[in-house]
């Protein structure tokens, strides 16, 4: 069988971290004198911080200011996440089953590597991944397909031989723009907003390696 891969997003796919991110935005906003609305939070969930700042402040921040603010927000997030993160139902089992079935597995996330290390070690899934592409590796955030194109490249596969697993609207758009198949999870967005995906499920417990083969065969 030709090589095949699965590229997982992280937040909202492997771990349920959305509330911790929401809490970290509230705390950094209180420190710095701005307010992130819940509506804007969900609209921008999955985007890199640089794009979130543009939406939040109505203009791009100077690079140094954006970097400093981003680092502070993520520092708060890591402190909140310590000891509170658990894998989403079915995530660990699916990773193991895909590995056993011969899939190459990558992570394609808008999260910085400092967060990824904390999360993967906390839930014990780092050994499953053949490649990791994160916010530090790309210049254009989702919905641009760069993160998934790089992940497929690091798996030594064309994007057409990969299934992306996403929960965010911008992530689904990035997966389709990359030319990959997309399985979407309803963990952070309602099913109707994820309709561009090739299949939408409520939990990773619903799918097996055979379902990923079926998506690639479409």
Foldseek 3Di string as FASTA:
>chain_A
DDAFAEEEEDDLAFKPLLVLLVVLQCVLCVVVVFDDDPVLSLQCPQWAQQVSVCVRVVHGDPVVVSVVSSVSSVVSSLVSCVPPIETFPQNQVQLVQCVVVRHAYEYQGQDDPVVVVSRCVVHVNVVSHQYYFYNVNDDHIFVALVSVCVRCVSVVHQQLRYEYEEAGLRVLNSSVVSVHAYEYEPSRHDPVSNVSHPYYDPGNVVDHVVVSVVRSVD
